[in-house]
Amino acid sequence: MSQASSARPASWLAEAGWRLWRWASGGAVAAALVPFGLAVAAGAGPARAAGLGAAASYLFFSLGHGAQIACARFDARFLLAASLAAYGLQAGLATCLMALAADAGWPVRWVFGGVAAGTFGWLGGLLLCYSRLRVPVFDPSPAAPLPRGMTSPASPDRLHRDERSAGQ
Protein backbone atom coordinates (compact mmCIF):
# COMPACT_ATOMS: atom_id res chain seq x y z
CA MET A 1 0.00 0.00 0.00
CA SER A 2 1.54 3.29 -1.01
CA GLN A 3 1.53 6.30 1.22
CA ALA A 4 -0.29 8.36 -1.38
CA SER A 5 -3.21 5.93 -1.53
CA SER A 6 -3.76 6.17 2.21
CA ALA A 7 -3.36 9.94 2.31
CA ARG A 8 -6.01 12.01 4.04
CA PRO A 9 -6.99 15.52 3.03
CA ALA A 10 -4.51 17.80 4.73
CA SER A 11 -6.24 21.15 4.54
CA TRP A 12 -7.83 21.22 7.99
CA LEU A 13 -5.06 19.20 9.63
CA ALA A 14 -2.31 21.41 8.27
CA GLU A 15 -4.15 24.61 9.19
CA ALA A 16 -4.78 23.34 12.72
CA GLY A 17 -1.13 22.30 13.03
CA TRP A 18 0.13 25.70 11.92
CA ARG A 19 -2.29 27.46 14.24
CA LEU A 20 -1.13 25.34 17.17
CA TRP A 21 2.50 26.03 16.27
CA ARG A 22 1.92 29.81 16.16
CA TRP A 23 0.21 29.86 19.57
CA ALA A 24 2.80 27.57 21.14
CA SER A 25 5.65 29.60 19.69
CA GLY A 26 4.18 32.79 21.08
CA GLY A 27 3.83 31.21 24.50
CA ALA A 28 7.38 29.89 24.46
CA VAL A 29 8.89 33.20 23.41
CA ALA A 30 6.83 35.19 25.91
CA ALA A 31 7.69 32.85 28.77
CA ALA A 32 11.39 32.76 27.83
CA LEU A 33 11.61 36.54 28.19
CA VAL A 34 11.32 36.22 31.97
CA PRO A 35 14.46 34.18 32.70
CA PHE A 36 16.31 35.91 29.88
CA GLY A 37 15.49 39.32 31.35
CA LEU A 38 16.58 38.19 34.81
CA ALA A 39 19.76 36.71 33.35
CA VAL A 40 20.60 39.92 31.49
CA ALA A 41 20.49 41.71 34.83
CA ALA A 42 22.87 39.07 36.22
CA GLY A 43 25.41 39.41 33.38
CA ALA A 44 26.34 38.22 29.92
CA GLY A 45 27.10 34.59 30.89
CA PRO A 46 23.72 33.89 32.48
CA ALA A 47 21.96 35.67 29.60
CA ARG A 48 23.66 33.40 27.06
CA ALA A 49 22.82 30.36 29.18
CA ALA A 50 19.14 31.29 29.57
CA GLY A 51 18.91 32.10 25.87
CA LEU A 52 20.46 28.75 24.96
CA GLY A 53 18.04 26.91 27.24
CA ALA A 54 15.01 28.70 25.79
CA ALA A 55 16.26 28.15 22.22
CA ALA A 56 16.87 24.46 22.93
CA SER A 57 13.34 23.90 24.22
CA TYR A 58 11.86 25.88 21.32
CA LEU A 59 13.89 23.89 18.79
CA PHE A 60 12.93 20.63 20.53
CA PHE A 61 9.20 21.28 20.32
CA SER A 62 9.27 22.94 16.88
CA LEU A 63 11.04 19.98 15.25
CA GLY A 64 8.50 17.52 16.62
CA HIS A 65 5.53 19.68 15.76
CA GLY A 66 6.91 20.37 12.29
CA ALA A 67 7.28 16.65 11.61
CA GLN A 68 3.66 16.10 12.61
CA ILE A 69 2.45 18.94 10.39
CA ALA A 70 4.47 17.66 7.44
CA CYS A 71 3.18 14.09 7.83
CA ALA A 72 -0.39 14.80 8.98
CA ARG A 73 -1.98 13.67 5.73
CA PHE A 74 -0.34 10.24 5.74
CA ASP A 75 -1.62 7.16 7.50
CA ALA A 76 -1.04 6.59 11.20
CA ARG A 77 1.88 4.15 10.81
CA PHE A 78 3.88 6.60 8.72
CA LEU A 79 3.04 9.43 11.13
CA LEU A 80 4.23 7.30 14.05
CA ALA A 81 7.52 6.46 12.32
CA ALA A 82 8.10 10.11 11.38
CA SER A 83 7.27 11.27 14.92
CA LEU A 84 9.67 8.74 16.44
CA ALA A 85 12.43 9.72 14.02
CA ALA A 86 11.85 13.40 14.81
CA TYR A 87 11.93 12.62 18.53
CA GLY A 88 15.29 10.88 18.10
CA LEU A 89 16.61 13.95 16.29
CA GLN A 90 15.14 16.22 18.98
CA ALA A 91 16.70 14.27 21.83
CA GLY A 92 20.07 14.08 20.08
CA LEU A 93 20.20 17.81 19.37
CA ALA A 94 19.06 18.71 22.89
CA THR A 95 21.72 16.43 24.37
CA CYS A 96 24.43 17.98 22.17
CA LEU A 97 23.36 21.51 23.11
CA MET A 98 23.34 20.73 26.81
CA ALA A 99 26.73 19.00 26.59
CA LEU A 100 28.16 22.04 24.81
CA ALA A 101 26.74 24.31 27.50
CA ALA A 102 28.24 22.17 30.26
CA ASP A 103 31.64 22.08 28.51
CA ALA A 104 31.58 25.85 28.04
CA GLY A 105 31.05 26.29 31.78
CA TRP A 106 27.78 28.15 31.44
CA PRO A 107 25.63 28.33 34.59
CA VAL A 108 23.41 25.27 34.54
CA ARG A 109 20.61 26.86 36.59
CA TRP A 110 20.18 29.57 33.94
CA VAL A 111 20.14 26.98 31.15
CA PHE A 112 17.53 25.03 33.10
CA GLY A 113 15.54 28.22 33.71
CA GLY A 114 15.43 28.91 29.97
CA VAL A 115 14.42 25.32 29.21
CA ALA A 116 11.71 25.31 31.88
CA ALA A 117 10.31 28.67 30.78
CA GLY A 118 10.29 27.64 27.13
CA THR A 119 8.61 24.34 27.96
CA PHE A 120 5.89 25.84 30.15
CA GLY A 121 5.33 28.63 27.65
CA TRP A 122 5.00 26.16 24.77
CA LEU A 123 2.53 24.02 26.71
CA GLY A 124 0.58 27.09 27.84
CA GLY A 125 0.31 28.28 24.25
CA LEU A 126 -0.93 24.85 23.17
CA LEU A 127 -3.53 24.79 25.94
CA LEU A 128 -4.80 28.25 25.00
CA CYS A 129 -5.02 27.29 21.34
CA TYR A 130 -6.71 23.95 22.02
CA SER A 131 -9.31 25.74 24.13
CA ARG A 132 -10.21 27.85 21.08
CA LEU A 133 -9.62 25.35 18.28
CA ARG A 134 -12.71 23.98 16.60
CA VAL A 135 -12.58 20.33 15.59
CA PRO A 136 -14.99 19.81 12.68
CA VAL A 137 -15.88 16.24 13.67
CA PHE A 138 -16.94 17.28 17.17
CA ASP A 139 -18.01 20.89 16.61
CA PRO A 140 -20.64 21.07 13.89
CA SER A 141 -21.38 24.54 12.62
CA PRO A 142 -24.32 26.24 14.34
CA ALA A 143 -26.10 26.57 10.99
CA ALA A 144 -25.92 22.82 10.30
CA PRO A 145 -29.32 21.14 10.50
CA LEU A 146 -29.80 18.55 13.19
CA PRO A 147 -30.42 14.95 12.11
CA ARG A 148 -34.08 13.97 11.80
CA GLY A 149 -35.64 13.17 15.14
CA MET A 150 -33.11 15.16 17.19
CA THR A 151 -33.91 18.39 18.92
CA SER A 152 -31.56 20.99 20.26
CA PRO A 153 -30.59 20.40 23.91
CA ALA A 154 -32.14 23.75 24.81
CA SER A 155 -35.31 23.48 22.72
CA PRO A 156 -38.59 23.87 24.61
CA ASP A 157 -39.90 20.60 23.19
CA ARG A 158 -37.03 18.64 24.70
CA LEU A 159 -37.32 20.39 28.05
CA HIS A 160 -41.02 19.54 28.31
CA ARG A 161 -40.42 15.97 27.22
CA ASP A 162 -37.69 15.53 29.88
CA GLU A 163 -39.97 16.95 32.59
CA ARG A 164 -42.78 14.59 31.60
CA SER A 165 -40.54 11.54 31.63
CA ALA A 166 -39.01 12.55 35.01
CA GLY A 167 -42.48 12.72 36.60
CA GLN A 168 -43.36 9.12 35.66
Foldseek 3Di string as FASTA:
>chain_A
DDQVVQFADQPVVLVLLVQLLVLLVVLLVVLLCVLLVVQVVVHDLLNVLLVLLSVLLNVLVVQLSVQCSVCVRTDPVVSVVSNVVSNVVSVVVSVVSVVVCVVVVRDPVSSVSNNVSSVVRSVVSNVVSVVVDDDCVVDPDPPDDDPPPDDDPPDPVVVVVVVVVVVD
